[in-house]
Amino acid sequence: MNKVEGLHHLAISTGDMKGQIEFFTDKLGMELVALYWMHGVENTFHGFLRLNDESSVAFVYNPDIAKIEPQIGLSHAGNAGANSAKGTMQHVALKVKNHEELLAMRDRLRSKGVPVMGPIDHGFCMSIYFAGLENLALELSYSDEPIDARAWIDPEVVELAGISAQELEKYKNPEAFADQGGAVPQPDPASAPGPHLTGYPDGLYERIMRISDEDMLHSVPNEPPVKVAS
């Protein structure tokens, strides 16, 4: 059983927190629900824009991010059909309910001066495409029914990706795992195969990963910055 149920939040770096909040609230009608000092990260803001009660688009800002120059074809694709470096976000598609709401969002965007391509019928979803700030490539989509893997896994592409028949079966039916209620200990960060988080100063990653789970649980303040009357 798949325990990963959906997207909680997608965090995107920004050099213009106010501009991104303005775009997503004005152009897409998404509400700002959180804007606070990012827990455990020095001099950095975290902003959340609501998709639904359990999902958000989030932005991360600090003055150093604003100084990093993006490069189309490297850090950003710039559109949903272009290249960017491996491991980067090529584009992001946000969900709407149906065709009527897809057209309503196209109307909203176009009325505010944002050019929109589509809808395009992809067979398993219907999509429109447009640009966000800072070279984000954005899409709005809906599907009328779940994707049928029998119809949408192309044998030619499977072969080109180097996937064997046995591997394909494994990917379509991931191995079950009997969880242990959180009792599995941390592997040694110095020798575990990983992958590993990167970008830390020398030695800091291993020190962090050796902090006990109990200490890590209480390592950042978790009270909201504003007291709300009950």
Protein backbone atom coordinates (compact mmCIF):
# COMPACT_ATOMS: atom_id res chain seq x y z
CA MET A 1 0.00 0.00 0.00
CA ASN A 2 1.37 3.40 -1.02
CA LYS A 3 1.78 5.52 2.11
CA VAL A 4 2.80 8.63 0.15
CA GLU A 5 -0.64 10.17 -0.35
CA GLY A 6 0.09 13.38 -2.20
CA LEU A 7 2.01 16.64 -2.13
CA HIS A 8 2.21 18.38 1.26
CA HIS A 9 4.25 21.29 -0.02
CA LEU A 10 6.54 22.10 -2.91
CA ALA A 11 9.31 24.47 -1.78
CA ILE A 12 10.74 26.84 -4.40
CA SER A 13 13.62 29.27 -3.88
CA THR A 14 12.80 32.91 -4.55
CA GLY A 15 14.59 36.24 -4.60
CA ASP A 16 11.27 38.09 -4.35
CA MET A 17 8.99 36.69 -1.65
CA LYS A 18 6.48 39.53 -1.92
CA GLY A 19 6.37 39.24 -5.71
CA GLN A 20 5.67 35.50 -5.58
CA ILE A 21 2.95 35.99 -2.97
CA GLU A 22 1.42 38.72 -5.15
CA PHE A 23 1.50 36.48 -8.25
CA PHE A 24 -0.01 33.39 -6.65
CA THR A 25 -2.70 35.31 -4.77
CA ASP A 26 -3.65 37.71 -7.58
CA LYS A 27 -3.16 35.58 -10.72
CA LEU A 28 -4.21 32.21 -9.27
CA GLY A 29 -6.38 33.19 -6.30
CA MET A 30 -4.42 31.13 -3.76
CA GLU A 31 -4.49 32.35 -0.14
CA LEU A 32 -1.36 33.13 1.86
CA VAL A 33 -1.57 30.93 4.98
CA ALA A 34 1.95 31.09 6.48
CA LEU A 35 4.89 33.49 6.36
CA TYR A 36 7.52 33.05 9.08
CA TRP A 37 11.22 32.58 9.88
CA MET A 38 12.17 29.17 8.44
CA HIS A 39 12.80 26.75 11.30
CA GLY A 40 16.46 26.02 11.88
CA VAL A 41 17.65 28.12 8.90
CA GLU A 42 19.38 31.43 9.58
CA ASN A 43 18.02 34.68 8.09
CA THR A 44 15.46 32.86 5.90
CA PHE A 45 11.71 33.32 5.37
CA HIS A 46 9.25 30.52 4.54
CA GLY A 47 5.93 31.35 2.85
CA PHE A 48 3.02 28.96 2.18
CA LEU A 49 0.19 29.47 -0.32
CA ARG A 50 -2.80 27.17 0.14
CA LEU A 51 -3.79 24.56 -2.43
CA ASN A 52 -6.10 22.81 0.03
CA ASP A 53 -6.11 22.04 3.74
CA GLU A 54 -3.25 19.55 3.33
CA SER A 55 -1.21 20.93 0.39
CA SER A 56 0.64 24.15 -0.36
CA VAL A 57 3.08 25.80 -2.72
CA ALA A 58 5.88 27.17 -0.55
CA PHE A 59 8.65 29.69 -1.14
CA VAL A 60 12.02 30.06 0.57
CA TYR A 61 13.76 33.45 0.65
CA ASN A 62 16.93 34.95 2.02
CA PRO A 63 19.16 37.76 0.68
CA ASP A 64 21.75 35.29 -0.66
CA ILE A 65 19.16 33.52 -2.85
CA ALA A 66 18.37 36.88 -4.44
CA LYS A 67 22.02 37.18 -5.55
CA ILE A 68 22.11 33.82 -7.41
CA GLU A 69 21.51 34.34 -11.13
CA PRO A 70 19.22 31.73 -12.76
CA GLN A 71 20.25 30.30 -16.13
CA ILE A 72 17.70 29.05 -18.63
CA GLY A 73 18.68 25.54 -19.66
CA LEU A 74 20.57 24.99 -16.40
CA SER A 75 18.69 26.08 -13.29
CA HIS A 76 15.37 26.60 -15.12
CA ALA A 77 13.74 25.10 -18.20
CA GLY A 78 11.71 28.25 -18.85
CA ASN A 79 8.88 26.26 -20.43
CA ALA A 80 7.38 22.78 -20.09
CA GLY A 81 9.15 21.44 -23.19
CA ALA A 82 12.70 22.65 -22.54
CA ASN A 83 15.73 21.29 -20.68
CA SER A 84 17.15 22.06 -17.25
CA ALA A 85 19.90 20.43 -15.21
CA LYS A 86 19.29 16.97 -13.76
CA GLY A 87 17.62 17.09 -10.37
CA THR A 88 15.98 20.47 -11.01
CA MET A 89 12.24 21.14 -11.35
CA GLN A 90 11.46 21.18 -15.07
CA HIS A 91 7.87 22.39 -14.57
CA VAL A 92 5.11 22.04 -12.00
CA ALA A 93 1.46 21.18 -12.73
CA LEU A 94 -1.19 22.21 -10.22
CA LYS A 95 -4.58 20.50 -10.13
CA VAL A 96 -8.00 21.95 -10.89
CA LYS A 97 -11.32 20.09 -10.61
CA ASN A 98 -12.65 19.98 -14.16
CA HIS A 99 -12.76 21.61 -17.61
CA GLU A 100 -15.02 24.43 -16.49
CA GLU A 101 -12.57 25.43 -13.76
CA LEU A 102 -9.60 25.06 -16.12
CA LEU A 103 -11.22 27.59 -18.48
CA ALA A 104 -12.12 29.81 -15.52
CA MET A 105 -8.46 29.90 -14.50
CA ARG A 106 -7.43 30.63 -18.08
CA ASP A 107 -9.86 33.56 -18.06
CA ARG A 108 -8.43 34.81 -14.77
CA LEU A 109 -4.84 34.63 -16.01
CA ARG A 110 -5.52 36.18 -19.41
CA SER A 111 -7.62 38.97 -17.87
CA LYS A 112 -4.58 39.90 -15.75
CA GLY A 113 -2.27 40.00 -18.77
CA VAL A 114 -0.71 36.53 -18.50
CA PRO A 115 -0.50 34.69 -21.87
CA VAL A 116 -1.84 31.12 -21.58
CA MET A 117 -1.33 28.17 -23.97
CA GLY A 118 -4.09 25.58 -24.16
CA PRO A 119 -6.06 23.65 -23.12
CA ILE A 120 -4.16 20.73 -24.64
CA ASP A 121 -5.75 17.28 -24.44
CA HIS A 122 -3.04 14.83 -23.36
CA GLY A 123 -5.43 11.86 -23.18
CA PHE A 124 -5.05 11.21 -19.46
CA CYS A 125 -5.19 14.90 -18.52
CA MET A 126 -6.15 18.30 -19.91
CA SER A 127 -3.66 21.13 -19.38
CA ILE A 128 -2.94 24.83 -19.80
CA TYR A 129 0.58 26.33 -19.63
CA PHE A 130 1.87 29.75 -18.56
CA ALA A 131 4.83 31.46 -16.88
CA GLY A 132 5.29 32.37 -13.26
CA LEU A 133 7.76 34.86 -11.87
CA GLU A 134 11.50 34.14 -11.88
CA ASN A 135 11.23 31.84 -14.94
CA LEU A 136 8.92 29.27 -13.34
CA ALA A 137 7.16 27.07 -15.90
CA LEU A 138 3.62 26.42 -14.62
CA GLU A 139 0.73 24.20 -15.68
CA LEU A 140 -2.85 23.69 -14.53
CA SER A 141 -4.37 20.26 -15.19
CA TYR A 142 -7.25 17.94 -14.43
CA SER A 143 -7.94 14.26 -15.07
CA ASP A 144 -11.37 12.66 -15.33
CA GLU A 145 -10.10 9.25 -14.20
CA PRO A 146 -6.92 7.60 -12.87
CA ILE A 147 -4.09 6.96 -15.32
CA ASP A 148 -4.30 3.44 -16.77
CA ALA A 149 -0.73 2.09 -16.63
CA ARG A 150 -1.62 -0.61 -19.16
CA ALA A 151 -2.27 2.08 -21.76
CA TRP A 152 0.28 4.75 -20.83
CA ILE A 153 3.54 2.83 -20.27
CA ASP A 154 5.04 2.79 -23.77
CA PRO A 155 7.20 -0.33 -24.46
CA GLU A 156 9.48 1.70 -26.76
CA VAL A 157 10.19 4.26 -24.03
CA VAL A 158 10.63 1.50 -21.43
CA GLU A 159 13.35 -0.03 -23.62
CA LEU A 160 15.03 3.34 -24.28
CA ALA A 161 15.11 3.96 -20.51
CA GLY A 162 16.97 0.67 -20.03
CA ILE A 163 14.18 -0.94 -18.00
CA SER A 164 13.86 -4.72 -18.20
CA ALA A 165 10.55 -6.60 -18.04
CA GLN A 166 11.37 -7.70 -14.48
CA GLU A 167 12.24 -4.16 -13.43
CA LEU A 168 9.05 -2.80 -15.00
CA GLU A 169 6.95 -5.25 -13.03
CA LYS A 170 8.76 -4.17 -9.85
CA TYR A 171 8.21 -0.48 -10.60
CA LYS A 172 4.51 -1.04 -11.24
CA ASN A 173 4.16 -3.11 -8.05
CA PRO A 174 6.65 -1.85 -5.43
CA GLU A 175 7.72 -4.35 -2.80
CA ALA A 176 5.65 -4.29 0.38
CA PHE A 177 7.43 -3.28 3.57
CA ALA A 178 6.51 -4.26 7.11
CA ASP A 179 7.16 -1.05 9.03
CA GLN A 180 8.34 -1.19 12.62
CA GLY A 181 6.57 1.81 14.09
CA GLY A 182 9.60 4.04 13.76
CA ALA A 183 12.02 1.62 15.48
CA VAL A 184 14.54 1.31 12.61
CA PRO A 185 17.76 3.07 13.72
CA GLN A 186 19.55 5.72 11.68
CA PRO A 187 22.16 4.21 9.33
CA ASP A 188 25.71 5.50 9.74
CA PRO A 189 25.76 8.69 7.63
CA ALA A 190 29.44 8.13 6.84
CA SER A 191 28.94 4.70 5.27
CA ALA A 192 25.24 4.44 4.28
CA PRO A 193 24.78 4.21 0.48
CA GLY A 194 22.35 7.15 0.49
CA PRO A 195 21.51 9.32 -1.43
CA HIS A 196 22.58 12.03 1.03
CA LEU A 197 21.56 15.64 1.56
CA THR A 198 24.25 18.00 0.26
CA GLY A 199 25.33 21.62 0.54
CA TYR A 200 26.30 21.55 4.23
CA PRO A 201 29.67 22.87 5.49
CA ASP A 202 32.26 20.15 6.03
CA GLY A 203 31.22 17.64 8.68
CA LEU A 204 27.89 19.30 9.54
CA TYR A 205 25.73 16.77 7.69
CA GLU A 206 27.15 13.83 9.63
CA ARG A 207 26.79 15.69 12.94
CA ILE A 208 23.15 16.50 12.19
CA MET A 209 22.34 12.93 11.14
CA ARG A 210 23.83 11.65 14.40
CA ILE A 211 21.47 13.72 16.55
CA SER A 212 19.02 11.39 18.30
CA ASP A 213 15.49 11.20 16.92
CA GLU A 214 14.13 12.46 20.25
CA ASP A 215 16.42 15.50 20.27
CA MET A 216 15.68 16.20 16.60
CA LEU A 217 11.93 16.13 17.30
CA HIS A 218 12.26 19.09 19.67
CA SER A 219 15.12 20.88 17.90
CA VAL A 220 13.15 23.87 16.54
CA PRO A 221 10.44 26.14 17.98
CA ASN A 222 7.00 24.93 16.90
CA GLU A 223 4.74 27.65 18.28
CA PRO A 224 3.12 29.93 15.66
CA PRO A 225 4.55 33.47 15.63
CA VAL A 226 1.13 35.05 16.30
CA LYS A 227 -1.07 34.12 19.29
CA VAL A 228 -4.63 33.43 18.15
CA ALA A 229 -7.50 33.77 20.62
CA SER A 230 -9.46 30.55 20.99
